[in-house]
Structures are given as structure tokens and as C-alpha cells.
Amino acid sequence: MSEIQQNELRAQIEQLRSQLTGDMFADMETRDKIHNLEMQLNGTKPGGQYIVCVGCGS
């Protein structure tokens, strides 16, 4: 992943974080989006799985 793509992901994450309200239920979808972007940024996924993530739905 190029540095430009990494910076774009970081910007998206920060923009989503600014939308968090502190209400767990209201923030659930936004937190899921943040989690998915962070996984892309870090290049992580559960080990040994050919699909992205069954456990957390990412």
C-alpha cells in the first residue's frame, strides 16, 4: 500500500472519529467502519482465514 493510500485511510479514520458521540449504540456503525479501515491500514486479518473476518464481520 502506498503512502498516499495510507494517508487517505488515516484521514478517513480521523473524520469518522470526529463523528463519535459517546453513545455506544449510536456509534456502533461508525466504530465498525473505523475498525475496517484500521485493519486495511495495518494489513491485518485473522490468521489462517481465507475470508476477511467471520468473528467480527470485517
C-alpha atoms as a PDB file:
ATOM      1  CA  MET A   1       0.000   0.000   0.000  1.00  0.00           C
ATOM      2  CA  SER A   2       1.415   3.373  -0.965  1.00  0.00           C
ATOM      3  CA  GLU A   3       1.938   6.187   1.496  1.00  0.00           C
ATOM      4  CA  ILE A   4      -0.776   8.204  -0.260  1.00  0.00           C
ATOM      5  CA  GLN A   5      -3.281   5.381   0.296  1.00  0.00           C
ATOM      6  CA  GLN A   6      -2.202   5.091   3.940  1.00  0.00           C
ATOM      7  CA  ASN A   7      -2.681   8.830   4.438  1.00  0.00           C
ATOM      8  CA  GLU A   8      -6.135   8.655   2.842  1.00  0.00           C
ATOM      9  CA  LEU A   9      -7.131   5.826   5.195  1.00  0.00           C
ATOM     10  CA  ARG A  10      -5.815   7.775   8.193  1.00  0.00           C
ATOM     11  CA  ALA A  11      -7.802  10.839   7.110  1.00  0.00           C
ATOM     12  CA  GLN A  12     -10.972   8.743   6.776  1.00  0.00           C
ATOM     13  CA  ILE A  13     -10.398   7.252  10.237  1.00  0.00           C
ATOM     14  CA  GLU A  14      -9.922  10.693  11.800  1.00  0.00           C
ATOM     15  CA  GLN A  15     -13.025  12.015  10.046  1.00  0.00           C
ATOM     16  CA  LEU A  16     -15.065   9.087  11.384  1.00  0.00           C
ATOM     17  CA  ARG A  17     -13.630   9.508  14.888  1.00  0.00           C
ATOM     18  CA  SER A  18     -14.810  13.114  14.872  1.00  0.00           C
ATOM     19  CA  GLN A  19     -18.374  11.814  14.388  1.00  0.00           C
ATOM     20  CA  LEU A  20     -18.367   9.640  17.525  1.00  0.00           C
ATOM     21  CA  THR A  21     -20.939  10.729  20.080  1.00  0.00           C
ATOM     22  CA  GLY A  22     -20.006   8.574  23.071  1.00  0.00           C
ATOM     23  CA  ASP A  23     -23.276   6.620  22.800  1.00  0.00           C
ATOM     24  CA  MET A  24     -22.250   3.010  22.232  1.00  0.00           C
ATOM     25  CA  PHE A  25     -25.328   2.097  20.216  1.00  0.00           C
ATOM     26  CA  ALA A  26     -25.346   5.228  18.082  1.00  0.00           C
ATOM     27  CA  ASP A  27     -21.611   4.851  17.400  1.00  0.00           C
ATOM     28  CA  MET A  28     -21.681   1.142  16.560  1.00  0.00           C
ATOM     29  CA  GLU A  29     -21.761   1.534  12.770  1.00  0.00           C
ATOM     30  CA  THR A  30     -19.115   4.275  12.811  1.00  0.00           C
ATOM     31  CA  ARG A  31     -16.841   2.202  15.046  1.00  0.00           C
ATOM     32  CA  ASP A  32     -17.245  -0.748  12.677  1.00  0.00           C
ATOM     33  CA  LYS A  33     -16.148   1.438   9.760  1.00  0.00           C
ATOM     34  CA  ILE A  34     -13.153   2.656  11.763  1.00  0.00           C
ATOM     35  CA  HIS A  35     -12.230  -0.928  12.629  1.00  0.00           C
ATOM     36  CA  ASN A  36     -12.412  -1.994   8.980  1.00  0.00           C
ATOM     37  CA  LEU A  37     -10.237   0.919   7.867  1.00  0.00           C
ATOM     38  CA  GLU A  38      -7.686   0.234  10.611  1.00  0.00           C
ATOM     39  CA  MET A  39      -7.480  -3.403   9.524  1.00  0.00           C
ATOM     40  CA  GLN A  40      -6.807  -2.271   5.949  1.00  0.00           C
ATOM     41  CA  LEU A  41      -4.214   0.231   7.148  1.00  0.00           C
ATOM     42  CA  ASN A  42      -2.415  -2.324   9.295  1.00  0.00           C
ATOM     43  CA  GLY A  43      -2.808  -5.162   6.793  1.00  0.00           C
ATOM     44  CA  THR A  44      -4.327  -7.396   9.448  1.00  0.00           C
ATOM     45  CA  LYS A  45      -6.920 -10.109   9.358  1.00  0.00           C
ATOM     46  CA  PRO A  46      -7.457 -13.205  11.476  1.00  0.00           C
ATOM     47  CA  GLY A  47      -4.725 -15.740  10.852  1.00  0.00           C
ATOM     48  CA  GLY A  48      -5.365 -18.777   8.703  1.00  0.00           C
ATOM     49  CA  GLN A  49      -8.619 -17.494   7.243  1.00  0.00           C
ATOM     50  CA  TYR A  50      -9.206 -17.067   3.550  1.00  0.00           C
ATOM     51  CA  ILE A  51     -12.156 -14.749   4.152  1.00  0.00           C
ATOM     52  CA  VAL A  52     -11.729 -11.411   5.821  1.00  0.00           C
ATOM     53  CA  CYS A  53     -13.251 -11.943   9.282  1.00  0.00           C
ATOM     54  CA  VAL A  54     -16.095 -14.175  10.379  1.00  0.00           C
ATOM     55  CA  GLY A  55     -15.765 -13.293  14.051  1.00  0.00           C
ATOM     56  CA  CYS A  56     -16.200  -9.546  13.831  1.00  0.00           C
ATOM     57  CA  GLY A  57     -17.777  -9.238  10.378  1.00  0.00           C
ATOM     58  CA  SER A  58     -14.991  -7.072   8.996  1.00  0.00           C
END
